[in-house]
Protein backbone atom coordinates (compact mmCIF):
# COMPACT_ATOMS: atom_id res chain seq x y z
CA MET A 1 200.62 94.92 189.52
CA ARG A 2 199.00 97.35 186.73
CA GLY A 3 197.78 95.72 183.69
CA VAL A 4 198.88 96.28 180.10
CA THR A 5 197.18 98.99 177.98
CA ARG A 6 197.68 98.28 174.11
CA VAL A 7 195.36 99.73 171.15
CA VAL A 8 196.72 97.82 168.10
CA CYS A 9 196.68 99.14 164.23
CA VAL A 10 198.01 98.38 161.38
CA VAL A 11 200.12 101.29 159.80
CA GLY A 12 200.83 100.86 156.05
CA ALA A 13 200.93 97.38 153.58
CA GLY A 14 203.47 94.78 154.97
CA SER A 15 204.01 96.73 157.74
CA LEU A 16 204.20 95.17 161.49
CA LEU A 17 201.21 95.73 164.58
CA ALA A 18 201.88 98.10 166.73
CA GLY A 19 200.54 100.37 169.84
CA CYS A 20 198.45 102.81 168.60
CA GLY A 21 198.14 105.37 171.25
CA VAL A 22 198.82 105.40 174.78
CA ALA A 23 200.69 102.61 175.92
CA GLY A 24 201.27 100.92 179.35
CA GLY A 25 204.11 98.27 180.67
CA GLU A 26 204.25 96.54 183.83
CA SER A 27 204.99 98.56 186.81
CA ARG A 28 206.24 97.33 190.13
CA GLY A 29 204.73 99.28 192.85
CA GLY A 30 203.15 103.17 192.53
CA THR A 31 204.40 106.55 190.61
CA ASP A 32 206.90 108.97 191.41
CA PRO A 33 205.08 112.28 191.13
CA ASN A 34 208.63 113.61 191.28
CA GLY A 35 210.46 111.23 188.69
CA VAL A 36 212.19 112.87 185.74
CA VAL A 37 211.24 111.78 182.36
CA ARG A 38 215.12 111.14 180.12
CA ALA A 39 213.73 111.89 176.18
CA SER A 40 215.94 111.76 173.45
CA TRP A 41 216.53 114.94 171.52
CA SER A 42 218.56 117.33 169.21
CA ASP A 43 219.42 120.74 169.53
CA PRO A 44 217.36 123.39 167.92
CA GLN A 45 218.24 125.63 165.18
CA ARG A 46 217.83 128.97 166.83
CA PRO A 47 216.98 129.99 170.48
CA ILE A 48 213.56 129.18 171.16
CA GLU A 49 211.03 131.92 170.94
CA PRO A 50 207.28 131.35 169.29
CA GLY A 51 208.08 133.86 166.45
CA ASN A 52 211.13 132.38 165.48
CA THR A 53 210.83 128.61 165.89
CA ASN A 54 209.65 126.56 163.06
CA GLU A 55 211.00 123.15 163.20
CA VAL A 56 210.79 120.16 165.24
CA GLN A 57 213.27 120.24 168.08
CA GLY A 58 212.36 123.49 169.26
CA GLY A 59 208.67 123.13 168.75
CA LYS A 60 209.19 120.03 170.71
CA VAL A 61 210.35 122.96 173.88
CA LEU A 62 207.99 125.13 173.44
CA GLY A 63 205.17 122.58 173.38
CA LEU A 64 206.41 121.97 177.16
CA ILE A 65 206.32 125.10 177.93
CA THR A 66 203.79 127.64 176.43
CA ARG A 67 200.01 127.31 175.87
CA GLY A 68 197.62 129.10 173.49
CA LEU A 69 194.16 129.99 172.68
CA THR A 70 193.70 126.76 170.91
CA ARG A 71 194.88 123.51 171.57
CA TYR A 72 195.26 119.83 169.99
CA ASP A 73 193.50 116.92 171.07
CA PRO A 74 196.42 114.69 171.94
CA LYS A 75 193.89 111.88 170.37
CA THR A 76 192.23 113.44 167.69
CA ALA A 77 193.72 116.59 166.66
CA GLU A 78 190.57 118.33 167.11
CA SER A 79 191.12 121.72 167.97
CA VAL A 80 189.29 122.88 171.50
CA ASN A 81 189.95 126.19 173.26
CA ASP A 82 192.51 126.34 175.92
CA LEU A 83 193.42 129.96 177.31
CA ALA A 84 190.40 131.32 174.97
CA GLU A 85 187.14 130.89 176.69
CA SER A 86 185.52 132.23 173.34
CA ILE A 87 186.64 132.98 169.99
CA GLU A 88 184.10 134.44 168.06
CA THR A 89 183.31 135.43 164.45
CA GLU A 90 180.08 136.78 162.44
CA ASP A 91 182.22 137.32 158.95
CA SER A 92 185.18 135.36 159.46
CA ARG A 93 186.96 138.46 159.10
CA VAL A 94 186.38 140.01 162.55
CA TRP A 95 187.55 137.87 165.43
CA ARG A 96 186.64 138.77 169.11
CA ILE A 97 188.72 136.76 171.73
CA ARG A 98 187.87 136.29 175.52
CA LEU A 99 190.38 134.60 177.86
CA ARG A 100 190.06 132.45 180.81
CA GLU A 101 190.10 134.15 184.20
CA GLY A 102 192.96 133.78 186.02
CA LEU A 103 195.79 133.03 183.56
CA ARG A 104 199.30 133.51 184.98
CA PHE A 105 202.76 132.96 183.55
CA SER A 106 205.56 130.71 185.34
CA ASP A 107 206.45 133.91 186.92
CA GLY A 108 203.76 134.63 188.33
CA THR A 109 203.04 137.69 186.28
CA PRO A 110 199.70 137.28 184.33
CA VAL A 111 198.35 136.46 180.81
CA THR A 112 196.53 139.14 179.65
CA ALA A 113 194.93 140.31 175.95
CA ARG A 114 198.29 142.31 175.81
CA SER A 115 200.60 139.36 175.98
CA PHE A 116 198.91 138.13 172.67
CA THR A 117 198.58 141.43 170.83
CA ASP A 118 202.31 141.99 171.94
CA ALA A 119 203.94 138.85 171.29
CA TRP A 120 201.91 138.75 167.76
CA ASN A 121 203.40 142.43 166.71
CA TYR A 122 206.60 141.72 167.40
CA THR A 123 206.34 138.48 165.67
CA ALA A 124 205.39 140.24 162.90
CA ASN A 125 207.27 143.29 163.06
CA ILE A 126 210.23 142.73 160.10
CA THR A 127 213.08 144.41 162.39
CA ASN A 128 212.69 141.48 164.58
CA LYS A 129 213.47 139.01 161.86
CA GLN A 130 211.11 136.41 162.87
CA VAL A 131 210.55 133.77 160.85
CA ASN A 132 207.06 133.01 161.60
CA ALA A 133 205.98 136.46 160.47
CA PRO A 134 203.81 134.90 158.05
CA PHE A 135 201.85 133.72 159.94
CA PHE A 136 200.26 137.06 160.61
CA GLN A 137 200.09 138.13 156.78
CA TYR A 138 196.20 138.24 156.70
CA VAL A 139 196.07 140.82 159.99
CA GLU A 140 194.95 144.46 158.91
CA GLY A 141 198.35 145.86 158.93
CA TYR A 142 200.60 143.79 158.63
CA ALA A 143 201.97 145.38 155.11
CA ASP A 144 203.26 148.41 157.56
CA VAL A 145 204.75 146.52 159.90
CA HIS A 146 206.70 143.94 157.73
CA PRO A 147 206.96 145.48 153.95
CA ALA A 148 207.58 143.45 150.62
CA ASP A 149 210.77 144.71 150.42
CA GLU A 150 212.82 143.04 153.42
CA THR A 151 215.37 146.21 152.89
CA ALA A 152 212.54 148.75 153.50
CA ARG A 153 211.65 150.16 156.97
CA PRO A 154 208.08 149.53 159.09
CA ARG A 155 205.72 152.25 158.16
CA ALA A 156 204.22 151.16 161.83
CA LYS A 157 205.64 149.19 165.09
CA THR A 158 202.38 147.60 165.39
CA MET A 159 198.98 145.68 163.12
CA SER A 160 195.90 147.93 162.98
CA GLY A 161 194.15 144.85 163.18
CA LEU A 162 194.65 144.29 166.89
CA LYS A 163 192.72 146.24 169.20
CA VAL A 164 192.71 145.53 173.05
CA THR A 165 189.22 145.71 174.24
CA GLY A 166 189.47 144.88 177.70
CA PRO A 167 192.02 142.83 180.32
CA ARG A 168 191.14 139.54 178.91
CA THR A 169 189.53 141.05 175.42
CA PHE A 170 190.73 141.99 172.09
CA GLU A 171 189.65 141.96 168.46
CA VAL A 172 191.27 140.57 165.42
CA ARG A 173 190.47 142.46 161.99
CA LEU A 174 191.98 140.46 158.70
CA THR A 175 192.32 141.86 155.51
CA GLN A 176 189.65 139.36 154.37
CA ARG A 177 187.38 136.49 154.94
CA TYR A 178 189.24 133.59 156.49
CA ALA A 179 186.57 130.92 157.30
CA THR A 180 189.62 128.41 158.66
CA TRP A 181 191.78 131.11 160.82
CA ALA A 182 191.11 130.04 164.51
CA GLU A 183 191.86 126.42 163.45
CA GLY A 184 195.45 127.63 163.26
CA LEU A 185 195.96 129.64 166.79
CA GLY A 186 197.01 126.41 168.92
CA TYR A 187 200.36 126.45 166.59
CA GLN A 188 203.24 127.93 168.90
CA ALA A 189 203.85 131.10 166.70
CA PHE A 190 200.54 132.21 168.15
CA ALA A 191 201.53 131.61 172.22
CA PRO A 192 201.41 134.77 174.34
CA LEU A 193 204.93 136.31 175.83
CA PRO A 194 205.41 137.62 179.11
CA ARG A 195 206.44 141.33 180.10
CA LEU A 196 209.96 139.91 180.78
CA PHE A 197 210.36 139.51 177.22
CA PHE A 198 210.36 142.41 176.21
CA GLU A 199 211.97 144.00 178.91
CA ASP A 200 214.99 141.55 179.18
CA HIS A 201 214.72 139.64 175.72
CA ALA A 202 218.30 138.37 176.31
CA ALA A 203 217.50 137.31 180.01
CA TRP A 204 214.52 135.60 178.33
CA LEU A 205 216.54 134.26 175.44
CA ARG A 206 218.84 132.59 178.29
CA ARG A 207 215.97 131.08 180.15
CA PRO A 208 212.22 131.21 178.28
CA VAL A 209 209.57 132.24 180.47
CA GLY A 210 206.00 130.42 179.53
CA ASN A 211 202.81 129.45 180.69
CA GLY A 212 202.60 126.03 179.99
CA PRO A 213 203.25 123.06 182.28
CA TYR A 214 207.10 122.97 182.68
CA LYS A 215 209.42 125.37 182.98
CA VAL A 216 212.71 125.96 181.62
CA GLU A 217 215.68 124.93 184.36
CA SER A 218 218.76 124.66 181.95
CA TYR A 219 220.09 124.27 178.96
CA ARG A 220 223.92 122.89 177.98
CA ARG A 221 224.25 122.99 173.90
CA GLY A 222 224.99 119.76 172.78
CA LYS A 223 224.01 117.89 176.17
CA ALA A 224 220.44 118.32 177.23
CA MET A 225 217.56 120.70 178.32
CA LYS A 226 216.33 119.68 181.75
CA LEU A 227 212.27 121.30 182.32
CA VAL A 228 210.57 120.90 185.63
CA ALA A 229 207.09 120.34 186.11
CA ASP A 230 205.93 123.93 187.17
CA PRO A 231 203.46 123.22 190.37
CA ALA A 232 201.10 126.41 189.62
CA TYR A 233 200.22 125.35 186.23
CA ARG A 234 196.31 125.38 186.46
CA GLY A 235 195.80 123.77 182.63
CA PRO A 236 193.75 120.55 181.65
CA ASP A 237 197.45 118.68 181.34
CA LYS A 238 198.81 119.26 184.21
CA ALA A 239 202.45 117.52 184.63
CA ARG A 240 202.23 114.03 185.93
CA ASN A 241 205.65 113.76 186.42
CA GLY A 242 208.51 116.61 188.06
CA GLY A 243 210.48 116.99 184.77
CA VAL A 244 211.40 116.09 181.65
CA GLU A 245 215.55 116.11 180.60
CA LEU A 246 215.74 116.28 176.95
CA VAL A 247 218.82 114.53 175.95
CA VAL A 248 220.93 115.82 172.62
CA TYR A 249 222.07 112.51 171.05
CA THR A 250 223.95 113.25 167.19
CA ASP A 251 223.06 109.38 166.56
CA PRO A 252 220.19 107.85 167.11
CA ASN A 253 221.48 104.26 167.08
CA THR A 254 223.07 105.64 170.35
CA ALA A 255 219.68 106.59 172.27
CA TYR A 256 218.20 103.41 171.15
CA ALA A 257 221.12 101.44 172.78
CA ASP A 258 220.71 103.89 175.95
CA LEU A 259 217.24 102.87 175.86
CA LEU A 260 217.32 99.42 175.83
CA ALA A 261 220.51 99.51 178.58
CA GLY A 262 217.36 101.66 180.54
CA ASN A 263 220.21 104.64 180.30
CA LEU A 264 216.97 106.79 178.29
CA ASP A 265 212.90 106.69 179.38
CA VAL A 266 211.72 107.64 175.67
CA ALA A 267 213.10 107.65 172.29
CA ASP A 268 210.79 109.13 169.59
CA ASP A 269 213.16 108.64 166.19
CA ILE A 270 213.38 104.38 165.99
CA PRO A 271 216.33 104.46 163.44
CA ALA A 272 215.94 102.46 160.46
CA ALA A 273 217.73 99.59 161.00
CA GLN A 274 215.96 98.85 164.15
CA LEU A 275 212.44 99.09 163.44
CA PRO A 276 212.18 95.05 162.42
CA ASN A 277 213.76 94.41 166.02
CA ALA A 278 211.76 96.80 167.67
CA ALA A 279 208.57 95.21 168.46
CA ALA A 280 210.32 92.18 169.68
CA ASP A 281 213.02 94.54 171.91
CA LEU A 282 210.22 96.22 173.72
CA GLY A 283 207.00 94.62 173.14
CA ASP A 284 204.21 96.34 174.61
CA ARG A 285 206.62 99.60 174.79
CA PHE A 286 206.98 100.00 171.14
CA VAL A 287 204.43 102.66 170.02
CA VAL A 288 203.66 103.31 166.95
CA ARG A 289 200.90 105.59 165.49
CA PRO A 290 199.49 108.07 162.10
CA ALA A 291 201.06 111.25 162.48
CA GLY A 292 200.65 114.51 160.63
CA ILE A 293 204.16 114.31 158.94
CA ILE A 294 205.24 113.96 154.91
CA GLN A 295 208.97 113.96 154.28
CA THR A 296 209.88 115.68 150.84
CA VAL A 297 212.55 116.19 148.96
CA SER A 298 213.15 120.06 148.04
CA PHE A 299 214.34 122.02 145.32
CA PRO A 300 216.28 125.34 145.50
CA PHE A 301 214.52 127.55 143.00
CA TYR A 302 217.30 130.69 143.77
CA ASP A 303 219.58 128.24 141.95
CA ARG A 304 218.99 129.30 138.27
CA ALA A 305 219.76 125.29 137.44
CA TRP A 306 216.12 124.61 139.10
CA ARG A 307 213.94 126.88 137.20
CA GLY A 308 212.24 126.99 133.88
CA ALA A 309 210.33 124.66 132.26
CA ARG A 310 213.04 121.90 131.22
CA ALA A 311 214.04 122.05 134.82
CA ALA A 312 210.65 120.89 135.91
CA LYS A 313 211.05 118.11 133.73
CA VAL A 314 214.23 117.02 135.43
CA ARG A 315 212.09 117.37 138.84
CA ARG A 316 209.52 115.29 137.06
CA GLY A 317 211.98 112.59 136.41
CA ILE A 318 213.64 112.47 139.52
CA SER A 319 210.40 111.86 141.19
CA MET A 320 209.54 109.08 138.99
CA ALA A 321 213.10 107.44 139.45
CA ILE A 322 212.34 106.57 142.93
CA ASP A 323 210.76 103.54 143.93
CA ARG A 324 208.75 104.62 147.06
CA ASP A 325 207.27 101.00 147.45
CA ALA A 326 210.44 98.88 147.77
CA ILE A 327 212.35 102.00 149.94
CA THR A 328 209.64 101.99 152.63
CA LYS A 329 209.22 98.36 153.12
CA ARG A 330 212.88 97.19 152.97
CA ILE A 331 214.16 100.26 154.77
CA PHE A 332 211.36 101.32 157.36
CA ASN A 333 209.80 97.87 157.65
CA GLY A 334 206.46 99.15 156.23
CA THR A 335 206.14 102.35 158.83
CA ARG A 336 206.02 104.42 155.94
CA ILE A 337 203.54 105.09 153.53
CA PRO A 338 204.25 105.98 150.05
CA ALA A 339 203.06 109.48 149.05
CA LYS A 340 200.42 110.26 147.02
CA ASP A 341 199.98 113.96 147.73
CA TRP A 342 201.49 116.78 149.11
CA THR A 343 199.59 116.48 152.24
CA SER A 344 198.88 113.59 155.26
CA PRO A 345 196.23 110.95 155.07
CA VAL A 346 195.52 112.10 158.74
CA LEU A 347 193.53 114.87 157.53
CA GLY A 348 191.26 112.24 155.90
CA ALA A 349 188.92 113.11 152.77
CA LYS A 350 187.04 116.10 154.62
CA GLY A 351 189.70 117.48 155.27
CA GLY A 352 191.70 117.71 152.17
CA TYR A 353 193.72 114.69 151.56
CA ASP A 354 193.38 113.03 147.67
CA ALA A 355 195.72 110.31 146.64
CA SER A 356 195.04 110.95 143.17
CA VAL A 357 196.54 113.98 143.07
CA CYS A 358 200.29 113.70 142.43
CA GLY A 359 199.47 110.79 140.17
CA GLU A 360 202.38 109.40 137.91
CA VAL A 361 204.78 112.14 139.44
CA CYS A 362 204.73 109.62 142.26
CA SER A 363 204.88 106.32 140.83
CA TYR A 364 208.19 104.23 139.97
CA ASP A 365 208.20 104.44 135.88
CA PRO A 366 212.07 104.44 135.39
CA LYS A 367 211.71 104.65 131.41
CA LYS A 368 209.99 107.75 131.68
CA ALA A 369 212.02 109.36 133.83
CA ARG A 370 215.06 108.61 131.67
CA ARG A 371 213.65 110.36 128.96
CA LEU A 372 211.90 113.36 131.29
CA ILE A 373 215.55 114.01 132.74
CA GLU A 374 217.18 114.05 129.04
CA GLU A 375 214.16 116.25 127.36
CA GLY A 376 215.13 118.55 130.49
CA GLY A 377 218.77 118.45 130.11
CA GLY A 378 220.12 116.16 132.24
CA LEU A 379 221.22 116.57 135.89
CA PRO A 380 222.47 119.64 136.83
CA GLY A 381 226.04 119.31 137.18
CA GLY A 382 225.99 115.76 135.86
CA LYS A 383 224.73 114.46 139.23
CA LEU A 384 222.46 114.87 141.20
CA VAL A 385 223.22 115.53 145.13
CA LEU A 386 221.06 114.93 147.45
CA THR A 387 221.82 116.95 151.15
CA SER A 388 220.39 116.52 154.25
CA ASN A 389 221.28 115.85 158.51
CA VAL A 390 222.08 112.71 159.89
CA ASP A 391 221.58 112.36 163.29
CA THR A 392 218.15 111.84 163.28
CA GLY A 393 215.43 110.40 161.53
CA SER A 394 217.70 107.70 159.52
CA HIS A 395 218.10 109.94 156.97
CA ARG A 396 221.28 108.69 155.51
CA ASP A 397 219.52 105.26 155.06
CA TRP A 398 216.94 106.19 153.16
CA MET A 399 218.89 108.83 151.35
CA ASP A 400 221.23 106.01 150.24
CA ALA A 401 218.19 104.00 149.05
CA VAL A 402 216.99 106.77 147.26
CA CYS A 403 220.17 107.09 145.10
CA HIS A 404 220.30 103.46 144.39
CA SER A 405 217.08 103.83 143.08
CA VAL A 406 218.15 106.90 140.80
CA ASP A 407 221.15 104.95 139.40
CA LYS A 408 219.02 101.55 138.64
CA ALA A 409 216.58 103.86 137.18
CA LEU A 410 219.01 105.80 134.66
CA GLY A 411 221.25 103.23 134.54
CA ARG A 412 224.11 104.46 135.66
CA GLU A 413 226.17 104.22 139.07
CA HIS A 414 226.99 107.33 141.19
CA SER A 415 224.44 109.19 138.90
CA CYS A 416 223.15 110.36 142.81
CA VAL A 417 225.41 110.74 146.31
CA VAL A 418 224.21 111.45 149.60
CA ASN A 419 225.94 115.19 150.61
CA PRO A 420 225.58 114.22 154.49
CA VAL A 421 225.16 117.20 157.54
CA GLY A 422 226.33 116.18 160.63
CA THR A 423 223.40 117.98 163.23
CA PHE A 424 220.26 118.88 162.37
CA ALA A 425 220.90 122.63 163.54
CA ASP A 426 224.03 122.99 160.95
CA TYR A 427 221.53 121.61 158.22
CA ARG A 428 219.07 124.12 158.91
CA THR A 429 221.38 126.43 158.99
CA GLN A 430 222.49 125.82 155.39
CA VAL A 431 219.30 125.58 154.20
CA THR A 432 217.40 128.76 155.51
CA ASP A 433 220.97 130.52 154.47
CA ARG A 434 219.85 129.38 151.00
CA LYS A 435 223.23 127.30 150.65
CA MET A 436 221.64 124.36 148.79
CA THR A 437 222.58 123.77 145.11
CA GLY A 438 220.71 120.76 145.10
CA PRO A 439 217.82 118.80 146.05
CA PHE A 440 217.57 118.69 149.80
CA ARG A 441 215.30 116.84 152.89
CA ALA A 442 212.45 118.87 153.50
CA GLY A 443 209.90 116.73 155.70
CA TRP A 444 207.07 118.50 157.41
CA GLN A 445 205.67 118.14 160.57
CA MET A 446 201.62 119.76 160.38
CA ASP A 447 201.71 122.57 162.68
CA TYR A 448 198.14 122.36 163.15
CA PRO A 449 195.59 119.51 161.36
CA ASN A 450 194.43 121.19 157.96
CA ILE A 451 195.36 121.47 154.56
CA GLU A 452 196.29 124.84 154.18
CA ASN A 453 199.15 124.16 156.50
CA PHE A 454 200.39 121.61 154.18
CA LEU A 455 200.32 123.87 151.18
CA SER A 456 200.26 127.63 152.04
CA LYS A 457 203.44 127.57 154.58
CA LEU A 458 205.82 125.53 152.47
CA TYR A 459 204.60 126.36 148.95
CA TYR A 460 203.22 130.40 149.07
CA THR A 461 205.54 133.08 147.99
CA ASP A 462 207.79 134.38 151.18
CA ALA A 463 205.70 131.72 153.25
CA SER A 464 207.54 131.30 156.45
CA SER A 465 208.81 127.36 155.80
CA ASN A 466 209.13 128.08 151.54
CA ASP A 467 213.01 127.03 151.87
CA GLY A 468 213.19 126.27 148.26
CA GLY A 469 212.08 129.54 147.57
CA HIS A 470 209.28 128.44 145.07
CA SER A 471 206.87 131.22 143.97
CA ASN A 472 203.56 130.87 141.40
CA PRO A 473 200.85 133.61 141.15
CA GLU A 474 198.40 130.88 139.98
CA PHE A 475 199.07 129.03 143.23
CA ASP A 476 199.11 132.12 145.77
CA ARG A 477 195.87 133.33 144.07
CA LEU A 478 194.14 129.89 144.64
CA ILE A 479 195.61 129.78 147.97
CA ASP A 480 193.73 133.19 149.13
CA GLN A 481 191.03 132.31 147.13
CA ALA A 482 190.41 129.39 149.31
CA ASN A 483 191.36 130.91 152.61
CA ALA A 484 188.69 133.91 151.70
CA ALA A 485 185.91 130.66 151.15
CA PRO A 486 182.24 131.16 153.16
CA SER A 487 183.04 127.85 154.64
CA ALA A 488 185.46 125.17 155.75
CA ALA A 489 184.45 122.44 153.12
CA ALA A 490 184.75 124.95 150.59
CA ALA A 491 187.85 125.95 151.57
CA VAL A 492 189.00 122.90 151.67
CA ALA A 493 187.74 122.09 148.31
CA GLY A 494 190.14 125.46 146.96
CA PHE A 495 193.30 124.23 148.77
CA LYS A 496 192.49 121.67 146.72
CA ASP A 497 192.56 123.06 143.61
CA ALA A 498 196.01 125.07 144.47
CA GLU A 499 197.28 121.59 145.52
CA ARG A 500 197.03 120.53 141.71
CA ILE A 501 199.48 123.21 140.70
CA LEU A 502 201.87 121.45 142.87
CA ALA A 503 201.54 118.47 140.80
CA ARG A 504 202.50 120.52 137.91
CA ASP A 505 205.63 122.78 139.36
CA VAL A 506 206.68 119.90 141.56
CA PRO A 507 208.74 122.01 143.78
CA ALA A 508 209.23 119.16 146.29
CA ILE A 509 209.40 115.34 145.37
CA PRO A 510 206.70 113.73 147.83
CA LEU A 511 208.74 110.52 149.16
CA TRP A 512 205.96 108.96 152.21
CA TYR A 513 203.81 109.65 154.97
CA GLN A 514 205.46 109.08 157.95
CA ASN A 515 203.91 106.92 161.28
CA GLY A 516 205.14 108.69 164.70
CA SER A 517 207.06 105.56 166.66
CA ALA A 518 208.43 105.59 169.77
CA GLY A 519 209.94 103.33 172.31
CA PHE A 520 209.88 103.91 176.32
CA SER A 521 211.60 101.76 179.32
CA GLU A 522 210.43 99.83 181.73
CA ARG A 523 210.84 102.87 184.16
CA VAL A 524 207.99 105.05 182.65
CA ARG A 525 204.36 104.04 181.25
CA ASP A 526 201.52 106.02 180.10
CA VAL A 527 203.52 106.89 176.97
CA ALA A 528 201.90 108.04 173.77
CA LEU A 529 202.24 109.87 170.56
CA ASP A 530 199.99 112.98 169.82
CA PRO A 531 199.21 113.54 166.12
CA PHE A 532 202.03 115.38 165.39
CA SER A 533 204.27 112.35 166.29
CA VAL A 534 205.50 114.33 169.76
CA PRO A 535 205.82 112.41 172.55
CA VAL A 536 202.81 113.96 175.16
CA TYR A 537 205.52 114.53 177.80
CA GLN A 538 203.27 115.65 180.71
CA ALA A 539 201.10 112.70 180.38
CA ILE A 540 204.01 110.16 181.39
CA THR A 541 204.26 108.83 184.66
CA VAL A 542 207.54 107.69 186.39
CA THR A 543 207.04 104.41 188.19
CA ARG A 544 208.94 104.40 191.68
């Protein structure tokens, strides 16, 4: 009988103690290398492709079927080379990249320098309508393939800053110095694409072909996606199981019940109502670890009612009407930590986390909240309507708690109401179609462990995930200036200057930092969450 591995950590004031990292579990007999891991999931918003996926559910799939130039260590989040043999620069503006030898996609075709440059050019080109196009905005020639006027035709088909110099080498020329540019290359928007993607795009979307440890076998929307381990994969993280079946759930409580019944192997969205019981129900099969995730409530700046100086007072007032301490203790049993800035403690002080940035805006002060909202002309429409999907994340529970807190602070009932959307995919479509008329959930799971990712991708003008439409020239200037800093330390200092603008604008209200939590069945072991709160699926073993 294999011993139990358990690493214990405290995840927040008044929190429970739980596994942090790899968790074990008792097994009877050996492991089954062909065993399939059954895991909870939700349908992604869009068809899955690197340039057009910027949400968690689709990202999980890309994390299984693609690999990039770099990867993030599942324990430390450190960026290390993966497909890249080397990434070099002398001036932080021109970057030279060399790939490892013998790289292959799951269809047997080679991964070459062109696999990257073609993919990046496709994503950047405005005619392809890829949401991750702004990730390439600092590459020379981006403005030619992606004009600022969304109705204009591109002046070129490819970015002049990308140059293939050999079968395994290419050069990237940026428009300015960017000291931390290489840190983002592990994000899935930078993944390579095979020739099939360009030659038969529809076929690729039906069954995506990547270069990761798994291959897509089938997908039935609303039911499940089945992935099988790729026996030809030669990366450092080869799958230790036969595959992963991502099963769609529209209620995390159902997933948790199936986990307890042994009908599901991994659930990485433990419902809030079950958190007090999870340690008792699962024992060492309950895993909690800090993650680079922040939950926020964003505002639709494309709606005139939420723009201007008076509306900014209302936004600050709403933030100060939310009792974060009480909600995180009562709803989440201490597995969430009240937010003090717009990033994550996972970054650490060296990486840019600063608990002083939000200041009083993130403090519960009912009296000042009432005064600010009154000075701002009151709640638009007379009440606060808070919108989110309710099929994942126990969002209905905390939204009800937020509304109760706002009602209590403002001294009247029904000043805040919840507008629930049934599924994650439907909700994200409403958000990206800019149909929000009031505050909406806009949590962020980091793409890569850098303060820049928490700021520029969410609040920079026209950024890939700037769903609220926030725009501030001073903030943009400070972000550009930080990116051009001569060192990573200087860049972090510059990003912190930009973050202080958010404390004034309040384009989104920081609520709490999220610790990743998951439970697993007796059928599997070696279950861990990475710093992004995603199960390390390829490391999971299935018992016989």
